[in-house]
Structures are given as C-alpha cells and as structure tokens.
Protein backbone atom coordinates (compact mmCIF):
# COMPACT_ATOMS: atom_id res chain seq x y z
CA MET A 1 43.05 44.42 52.01
CA VAL A 2 43.00 42.23 48.59
CA SER A 3 42.03 38.50 49.11
CA ILE A 4 44.79 35.69 47.07
CA ASN A 5 43.52 33.01 45.50
CA PRO A 6 43.87 30.58 47.85
CA GLU A 7 45.10 27.87 45.17
CA LEU A 8 48.33 30.17 44.64
CA ARG A 9 49.02 30.89 48.49
CA GLN A 10 48.46 27.34 48.52
CA GLN A 11 51.36 26.91 45.67
CA VAL A 12 53.53 29.93 47.38
CA ILE A 13 53.77 27.98 50.85
CA SER A 14 54.72 24.70 49.54
CA ILE A 15 57.28 25.89 47.10
CA TYR A 16 58.89 27.92 50.23
CA LYS A 17 58.23 24.59 52.30
CA GLN A 18 60.30 22.59 49.43
CA LEU A 19 63.25 25.63 49.06
CA LEU A 20 63.54 25.50 52.76
CA TYR A 21 63.93 21.36 52.86
CA LEU A 22 66.45 22.02 50.46
CA GLY A 23 68.55 24.49 52.50
CA ARG A 24 69.33 21.63 54.94
CA ASP A 25 72.20 20.70 52.46
CA TYR A 26 73.39 23.48 50.63
CA PRO A 27 76.86 24.04 50.95
CA GLN A 28 77.11 27.53 52.81
CA GLY A 29 74.80 25.57 55.29
CA TYR A 30 71.07 26.12 55.99
CA ASN A 31 72.21 29.42 58.55
CA TYR A 32 73.15 31.15 55.18
CA PHE A 33 69.89 29.97 53.01
CA ARG A 34 67.04 30.23 54.98
CA PRO A 35 67.01 34.30 55.34
CA ARG A 36 68.28 34.83 51.62
CA LEU A 37 64.83 32.69 50.93
CA HIS A 38 62.77 34.30 53.47
CA ARG A 39 63.90 37.69 51.92
CA ALA A 40 63.57 36.39 48.47
CA PHE A 41 59.61 35.23 49.38
CA MET A 42 59.23 38.72 51.34
CA ALA A 43 60.42 40.54 48.53
CA ASN A 44 57.40 39.89 46.50
CA ALA A 45 55.06 39.70 49.21
CA SER A 46 52.99 42.88 48.06
CA LEU A 47 52.55 41.18 44.89
CA THR A 48 48.88 40.80 44.30
CA ASP A 49 48.31 40.42 40.63
CA GLU A 50 47.75 36.75 39.52
CA ALA A 51 49.62 36.82 36.96
CA GLU A 52 53.05 38.44 38.59
CA ILE A 53 52.53 35.54 41.41
CA ARG A 54 51.96 32.80 38.66
CA GLN A 55 55.84 33.96 37.60
CA ALA A 56 56.92 34.53 40.70
CA ILE A 57 56.11 30.74 41.72
CA ALA A 58 57.46 29.84 38.34
CA ARG A 59 61.04 31.61 39.22
CA ALA A 60 61.08 29.71 42.74
CA GLN A 61 60.37 26.25 40.49
CA PHE A 62 63.17 27.33 38.83
CA VAL A 63 65.35 27.96 41.55
CA GLN A 64 64.40 24.68 43.17
CA LYS A 65 65.25 22.85 40.02
CA GLU A 66 68.76 24.47 39.91
CA ILE A 67 69.35 23.59 43.42
CA GLU A 68 68.54 20.26 43.27
CA ALA A 69 71.19 19.75 40.15
CA LEU A 70 73.72 21.26 42.21
CA TYR A 71 73.68 18.80 44.68
CA TYR A 72 73.24 16.12 42.04
CA LEU A 73 76.69 17.41 40.79
CA LYS A 74 78.53 17.27 44.27
CA ARG A 75 77.01 14.11 44.64
CA TYR A 76 78.59 12.78 41.46
CA ARG A 77 81.50 14.32 41.98
CA THR A 78 81.80 12.62 45.39
CA LEU A 79 81.11 9.10 43.59
CA ARG A 80 83.39 9.84 40.99
CA LYS A 81 86.66 10.91 43.14
CA ARG A 82 85.46 8.19 45.65
CA TYR A 83 86.09 5.06 42.92
CA ASP A 84 87.91 6.64 40.60
CA GLY A 85 90.83 7.38 42.69
CA ALA A 86 91.07 11.01 40.80
C-alpha cells in the first residue's frame, strides 16, 4: 500500500466537498450529479503518482469553474428575463 501525500489527500477531499456543494443546484438535480461525481473520483482513486494526482485535481478545479459559470449564466438569464420582459 502506497501512502499518499497528506496535502494532496486534503486537496482531493476539499475539491470533492466543494463539487458536492455545487451539485445541490445542478440543473438535472443532485440525485443526477452526486453518483456521477462519485464515479469520476473513484475512477482516479488508484492514482499514486503525485503528478497524476495534481493533474486530476487541476481537472476537477476546471470542472468546478465550469459549473460555477453555468450557474452564473443561469442567474443572468433569469434576471434578464425578469427585468427585460423578454
């Protein structure tokens, strides 16, 4: 059993929790989002090389930014529709 860097482990747990939190408002619902997030993280659970783990963390952070952008766009469209009457 290879021990993982505790700092990297903490980063992985943190990004997982942040993505779970963001998943609450996912358009298809939390019950759609959560199992897919879990599968994505479990697919990378066997990584042992620190460079690969850092690359996977960077990919997860990119996904987090994309989800946030999706939410901001949804909010913008809702406000625009509300105030423009379009």
